[in-house]
Amino acid sequence: MKKHHVACLLVVALMAVMALSVFPALAGDPPANNMEILREKLRGDKKLVIAEAMQLTESEAKAFWPVYDDYQKALKKLGDRHLRMIEDYAKNYGTLSDDAANKMIDDYLDLQADRLKLMQSNLSKFQKVLSPKKVARYYQLENKINAAISYGLAAQIPLIK
């Protein structure tokens, strides 16, 4: 389980680096391909964490990983939206209007609603390939990883002036 904690810390560290790269005032303007390299590394590390923590049998793994991969593709789209929101905020940080702030709130709430819908719509797919306890464990892991990412981002993104 120590490896699990190390991997989670790695996830937080990678997300903090990603957050820093979005705010040029905090950390220079890296090329766009560096961001994608970091995101790809994060996805690979996340899969290792999931694999270790899930303790799947061979037959469970054979059924689980295709469902997981499809779910991660959908989560990536949400992550892309979230990243665009952060980038927009970074561009407008010093001059954010009330209208832009309202749009940012609406976009964020829509993103969270879509994340919940995605979790709900994929639940039955996971339940078809795993026991209820393992599905619950998987959702716990996703929640913990998402919380670590959110924490890393929150620590790096300045409050609205």
C-alpha atoms as a PDB file:
ATOM      1  CA  MET A   1       0.000   0.000   0.000  1.00  0.00           C
ATOM      2  CA  LYS A   2       2.998   2.294   0.368  1.00  0.00           C
ATOM      3  CA  LYS A   3       3.355   2.286  -3.411  1.00  0.00           C
ATOM      4  CA  HIS A   4      -0.228   3.515  -3.594  1.00  0.00           C
ATOM      5  CA  HIS A   5       0.563   6.507  -1.398  1.00  0.00           C
ATOM      6  CA  VAL A   6       3.686   7.292  -3.410  1.00  0.00           C
ATOM      7  CA  ALA A   7       1.734   7.147  -6.644  1.00  0.00           C
ATOM      8  CA  CYS A   8      -0.952   9.447  -5.241  1.00  0.00           C
ATOM      9  CA  LEU A   9       1.700  11.941  -4.227  1.00  0.00           C
ATOM     10  CA  LEU A  10       3.091  11.722  -7.751  1.00  0.00           C
ATOM     11  CA  VAL A  11      -0.353  12.526  -9.130  1.00  0.00           C
ATOM     12  CA  VAL A  12      -0.572  15.618  -6.912  1.00  0.00           C
ATOM     13  CA  ALA A  13       2.913  16.712  -7.929  1.00  0.00           C
ATOM     14  CA  LEU A  14       2.176  16.329 -11.637  1.00  0.00           C
ATOM     15  CA  MET A  15      -1.050  18.281 -11.292  1.00  0.00           C
ATOM     16  CA  ALA A  16       0.713  21.055  -9.421  1.00  0.00           C
ATOM     17  CA  VAL A  17       3.227  21.280 -12.255  1.00  0.00           C
ATOM     18  CA  MET A  18       0.367  21.389 -14.740  1.00  0.00           C
ATOM     19  CA  ALA A  19      -1.357  24.127 -12.786  1.00  0.00           C
ATOM     20  CA  LEU A  20       1.837  26.139 -12.620  1.00  0.00           C
ATOM     21  CA  SER A  21       2.328  25.828 -16.351  1.00  0.00           C
ATOM     22  CA  VAL A  22      -1.070  27.404 -16.945  1.00  0.00           C
ATOM     23  CA  PHE A  23      -0.229  30.572 -15.056  1.00  0.00           C
ATOM     24  CA  PRO A  24       2.636  32.277 -16.878  1.00  0.00           C
ATOM     25  CA  ALA A  25       3.062  34.773 -14.058  1.00  0.00           C
ATOM     26  CA  LEU A  26       3.826  31.906 -11.705  1.00  0.00           C
ATOM     27  CA  ALA A  27       6.012  29.732 -13.933  1.00  0.00           C
ATOM     28  CA  GLY A  28       6.961  30.762 -17.449  1.00  0.00           C
ATOM     29  CA  ASP A  29       5.140  29.691 -20.629  1.00  0.00           C
ATOM     30  CA  PRO A  30       6.028  26.056 -21.492  1.00  0.00           C
ATOM     31  CA  PRO A  31       5.304  24.669 -24.958  1.00  0.00           C
ATOM     32  CA  ALA A  32       1.894  23.031 -25.367  1.00  0.00           C
ATOM     33  CA  ASN A  33       3.457  19.618 -26.002  1.00  0.00           C
ATOM     34  CA  ASN A  34       4.976  19.672 -22.494  1.00  0.00           C
ATOM     35  CA  MET A  35       1.456  19.888 -21.083  1.00  0.00           C
ATOM     36  CA  GLU A  36       0.353  16.862 -23.087  1.00  0.00           C
ATOM     37  CA  ILE A  37       3.453  14.916 -21.995  1.00  0.00           C
ATOM     38  CA  LEU A  38       2.580  15.663 -18.359  1.00  0.00           C
ATOM     39  CA  ARG A  39      -1.029  14.653 -18.865  1.00  0.00           C
ATOM     40  CA  GLU A  40       0.001  11.390 -20.542  1.00  0.00           C
ATOM     41  CA  LYS A  41       2.384  10.638 -17.660  1.00  0.00           C
ATOM     42  CA  LEU A  42      -0.421  11.344 -15.207  1.00  0.00           C
ATOM     43  CA  ARG A  43      -2.774   8.948 -17.008  1.00  0.00           C
ATOM     44  CA  GLY A  44      -0.159   6.183 -16.977  1.00  0.00           C
ATOM     45  CA  ASP A  45       0.627   6.674 -13.308  1.00  0.00           C
ATOM     46  CA  LYS A  46      -3.062   6.732 -12.471  1.00  0.00           C
ATOM     47  CA  LYS A  47      -3.572   3.406 -14.223  1.00  0.00           C
ATOM     48  CA  LEU A  48      -0.732   1.889 -12.182  1.00  0.00           C
ATOM     49  CA  VAL A  49      -2.320   3.153  -8.960  1.00  0.00           C
ATOM     50  CA  ILE A  50      -5.695   1.739  -9.978  1.00  0.00           C
ATOM     51  CA  ALA A  51      -4.163  -1.619 -10.970  1.00  0.00           C
ATOM     52  CA  GLU A  52      -2.372  -2.004  -7.659  1.00  0.00           C
ATOM     53  CA  ALA A  53      -5.257  -0.873  -5.468  1.00  0.00           C
ATOM     54  CA  MET A  54      -7.973  -2.847  -7.261  1.00  0.00           C
ATOM     55  CA  GLN A  55      -6.265  -6.233  -6.818  1.00  0.00           C
ATOM     56  CA  LEU A  56      -8.166  -7.689  -9.764  1.00  0.00           C
ATOM     57  CA  THR A  57      -8.189 -11.346 -10.656  1.00  0.00           C
ATOM     58  CA  GLU A  58      -7.129 -12.198 -14.185  1.00  0.00           C
ATOM     59  CA  SER A  59     -10.741 -12.583 -15.350  1.00  0.00           C
ATOM     60  CA  GLU A  60     -11.803  -9.357 -13.614  1.00  0.00           C
ATOM     61  CA  ALA A  61      -8.902  -7.495 -15.195  1.00  0.00           C
ATOM     62  CA  LYS A  62      -9.785  -8.771 -18.657  1.00  0.00           C
ATOM     63  CA  ALA A  63     -13.323  -7.402 -18.290  1.00  0.00           C
ATOM     64  CA  PHE A  64     -12.458  -4.257 -16.288  1.00  0.00           C
ATOM     65  CA  TRP A  65      -9.699  -2.589 -18.324  1.00  0.00           C
ATOM     66  CA  PRO A  66     -11.722  -1.990 -21.520  1.00  0.00           C
ATOM     67  CA  VAL A  67     -14.518  -0.396 -19.455  1.00  0.00           C
ATOM     68  CA  TYR A  68     -11.920   1.625 -17.540  1.00  0.00           C
ATOM     69  CA  ASP A  69     -10.249   2.810 -20.751  1.00  0.00           C
ATOM     70  CA  ASP A  70     -13.565   3.976 -22.233  1.00  0.00           C
ATOM     71  CA  TYR A  71     -14.410   5.780 -19.011  1.00  0.00           C
ATOM     72  CA  GLN A  72     -10.992   7.452 -18.937  1.00  0.00           C
ATOM     73  CA  LYS A  73     -11.472   8.701 -22.515  1.00  0.00           C
ATOM     74  CA  ALA A  74     -14.689  10.392 -21.417  1.00  0.00           C
ATOM     75  CA  LEU A  75     -12.990  11.760 -18.285  1.00  0.00           C
ATOM     76  CA  LYS A  76     -10.201  13.145 -20.490  1.00  0.00           C
ATOM     77  CA  LYS A  77     -12.772  15.198 -22.397  1.00  0.00           C
ATOM     78  CA  LEU A  78     -13.972  16.653 -19.091  1.00  0.00           C
ATOM     79  CA  GLY A  79     -10.355  17.254 -18.084  1.00  0.00           C
ATOM     80  CA  ASP A  80      -9.762  19.069 -21.372  1.00  0.00           C
ATOM     81  CA  ARG A  81     -12.747  21.312 -20.652  1.00  0.00           C
ATOM     82  CA  HIS A  82     -11.463  21.983 -17.145  1.00  0.00           C
ATOM     83  CA  LEU A  83      -8.016  22.828 -18.465  1.00  0.00           C
ATOM     84  CA  ARG A  84      -9.497  25.265 -21.015  1.00  0.00           C
ATOM     85  CA  MET A  85     -11.430  26.910 -18.189  1.00  0.00           C
ATOM     86  CA  ILE A  86      -8.235  27.301 -16.171  1.00  0.00           C
ATOM     87  CA  GLU A  87      -6.387  28.650 -19.206  1.00  0.00           C
ATOM     88  CA  ASP A  88      -9.172  31.175 -19.838  1.00  0.00           C
ATOM     89  CA  TYR A  89      -9.008  32.232 -16.215  1.00  0.00           C
ATOM     90  CA  ALA A  90      -5.232  32.590 -16.434  1.00  0.00           C
ATOM     91  CA  LYS A  91      -5.553  34.808 -19.524  1.00  0.00           C
ATOM     92  CA  ASN A  92      -8.184  37.022 -17.901  1.00  0.00           C
ATOM     93  CA  TYR A  93      -7.045  36.820 -14.282  1.00  0.00           C
ATOM     94  CA  GLY A  94      -6.106  40.483 -13.936  1.00  0.00           C
ATOM     95  CA  THR A  95      -9.116  41.854 -15.818  1.00  0.00           C
ATOM     96  CA  LEU A  96     -11.940  39.435 -15.019  1.00  0.00           C
ATOM     97  CA  SER A  97     -15.310  41.131 -15.546  1.00  0.00           C
ATOM     98  CA  ASP A  98     -18.493  40.304 -13.650  1.00  0.00           C
ATOM     99  CA  ASP A  99     -19.926  38.696 -16.797  1.00  0.00           C
ATOM    100  CA  ALA A 100     -16.796  36.564 -17.197  1.00  0.00           C
ATOM    101  CA  ALA A 101     -16.983  35.579 -13.526  1.00  0.00           C
ATOM    102  CA  ASN A 102     -20.622  34.513 -13.958  1.00  0.00           C
ATOM    103  CA  LYS A 103     -19.715  32.491 -17.056  1.00  0.00           C
ATOM    104  CA  MET A 104     -16.857  30.869 -15.154  1.00  0.00           C
ATOM    105  CA  ILE A 105     -19.234  29.826 -12.364  1.00  0.00           C
ATOM    106  CA  ASP A 106     -21.786  28.449 -14.835  1.00  0.00           C
ATOM    107  CA  ASP A 107     -19.110  26.560 -16.772  1.00  0.00           C
ATOM    108  CA  TYR A 108     -17.667  25.075 -13.586  1.00  0.00           C
ATOM    109  CA  LEU A 109     -21.070  23.918 -12.326  1.00  0.00           C
ATOM    110  CA  ASP A 110     -21.866  22.439 -15.749  1.00  0.00           C
ATOM    111  CA  LEU A 111     -18.551  20.602 -15.680  1.00  0.00           C
ATOM    112  CA  GLN A 112     -19.270  19.161 -12.230  1.00  0.00           C
ATOM    113  CA  ALA A 113     -22.767  18.116 -13.305  1.00  0.00           C
ATOM    114  CA  ASP A 114     -21.340  16.417 -16.395  1.00  0.00           C
ATOM    115  CA  ARG A 115     -18.740  14.620 -14.253  1.00  0.00           C
ATOM    116  CA  LEU A 116     -21.519  13.277 -12.015  1.00  0.00           C
ATOM    117  CA  LYS A 117     -23.606  12.233 -15.039  1.00  0.00           C
ATOM    118  CA  LEU A 118     -20.609  10.396 -16.447  1.00  0.00           C
ATOM    119  CA  MET A 119     -20.054   8.559 -13.172  1.00  0.00           C
ATOM    120  CA  GLN A 120     -23.727   7.616 -13.014  1.00  0.00           C
ATOM    121  CA  SER A 121     -23.935   6.516 -16.647  1.00  0.00           C
ATOM    122  CA  ASN A 122     -20.850   4.294 -16.303  1.00  0.00           C
ATOM    123  CA  LEU A 123     -21.822   2.712 -13.007  1.00  0.00           C
ATOM    124  CA  SER A 124     -23.801  -0.104 -14.633  1.00  0.00           C
ATOM    125  CA  LYS A 125     -20.876  -0.876 -16.960  1.00  0.00           C
ATOM    126  CA  PHE A 126     -18.561  -1.323 -13.989  1.00  0.00           C
ATOM    127  CA  GLN A 127     -21.202  -3.309 -12.113  1.00  0.00           C
ATOM    128  CA  LYS A 128     -21.379  -5.773 -15.014  1.00  0.00           C
ATOM    129  CA  VAL A 129     -17.685  -6.630 -14.690  1.00  0.00           C
ATOM    130  CA  LEU A 130     -16.944  -6.243 -10.965  1.00  0.00           C
ATOM    131  CA  SER A 131     -18.496  -7.057  -7.615  1.00  0.00           C
ATOM    132  CA  PRO A 132     -20.269  -4.215  -5.778  1.00  0.00           C
ATOM    133  CA  LYS A 133     -17.348  -3.884  -3.336  1.00  0.00           C
ATOM    134  CA  LYS A 134     -14.810  -3.596  -6.129  1.00  0.00           C
ATOM    135  CA  VAL A 135     -16.939  -1.051  -7.972  1.00  0.00           C
ATOM    136  CA  ALA A 136     -17.176   0.941  -4.748  1.00  0.00           C
ATOM    137  CA  ARG A 137     -13.396   0.654  -4.313  1.00  0.00           C
ATOM    138  CA  TYR A 138     -12.847   1.880  -7.873  1.00  0.00           C
ATOM    139  CA  TYR A 139     -15.143   4.864  -7.349  1.00  0.00           C
ATOM    140  CA  GLN A 140     -13.333   5.598  -4.075  1.00  0.00           C
ATOM    141  CA  LEU A 141     -10.022   5.596  -5.928  1.00  0.00           C
ATOM    142  CA  GLU A 142     -11.354   7.916  -8.625  1.00  0.00           C
ATOM    143  CA  ASN A 143     -12.679  10.215  -5.905  1.00  0.00           C
ATOM    144  CA  LYS A 144      -9.361  10.248  -4.024  1.00  0.00           C
ATOM    145  CA  ILE A 145      -7.360  10.915  -7.174  1.00  0.00           C
ATOM    146  CA  ASN A 146      -9.767  13.669  -8.213  1.00  0.00           C
ATOM    147  CA  ALA A 147      -9.517  15.196  -4.724  1.00  0.00           C
ATOM    148  CA  ALA A 148      -5.702  15.147  -4.929  1.00  0.00           C
ATOM    149  CA  ILE A 149      -5.821  16.805  -8.336  1.00  0.00           C
ATOM    150  CA  SER A 150      -8.291  19.406  -7.102  1.00  0.00           C
ATOM    151  CA  TYR A 151      -6.091  20.108  -4.093  1.00  0.00           C
ATOM    152  CA  GLY A 152      -3.028  20.526  -6.292  1.00  0.00           C
ATOM    153  CA  LEU A 153      -4.864  22.906  -8.575  1.00  0.00           C
ATOM    154  CA  ALA A 154      -6.426  24.864  -5.734  1.00  0.00           C
ATOM    155  CA  ALA A 155      -3.025  25.365  -4.143  1.00  0.00           C
ATOM    156  CA  GLN A 156      -1.631  26.884  -7.351  1.00  0.00           C
ATOM    157  CA  ILE A 157      -4.514  28.923  -8.776  1.00  0.00           C
ATOM    158  CA  PRO A 158      -4.858  32.370  -7.242  1.00  0.00           C
ATOM    159  CA  LEU A 159      -8.178  33.679  -5.980  1.00  0.00           C
ATOM    160  CA  ILE A 160     -10.079  36.206  -8.075  1.00  0.00           C
ATOM    161  CA  LYS A 161      -9.103  39.774  -7.255  1.00  0.00           C
END
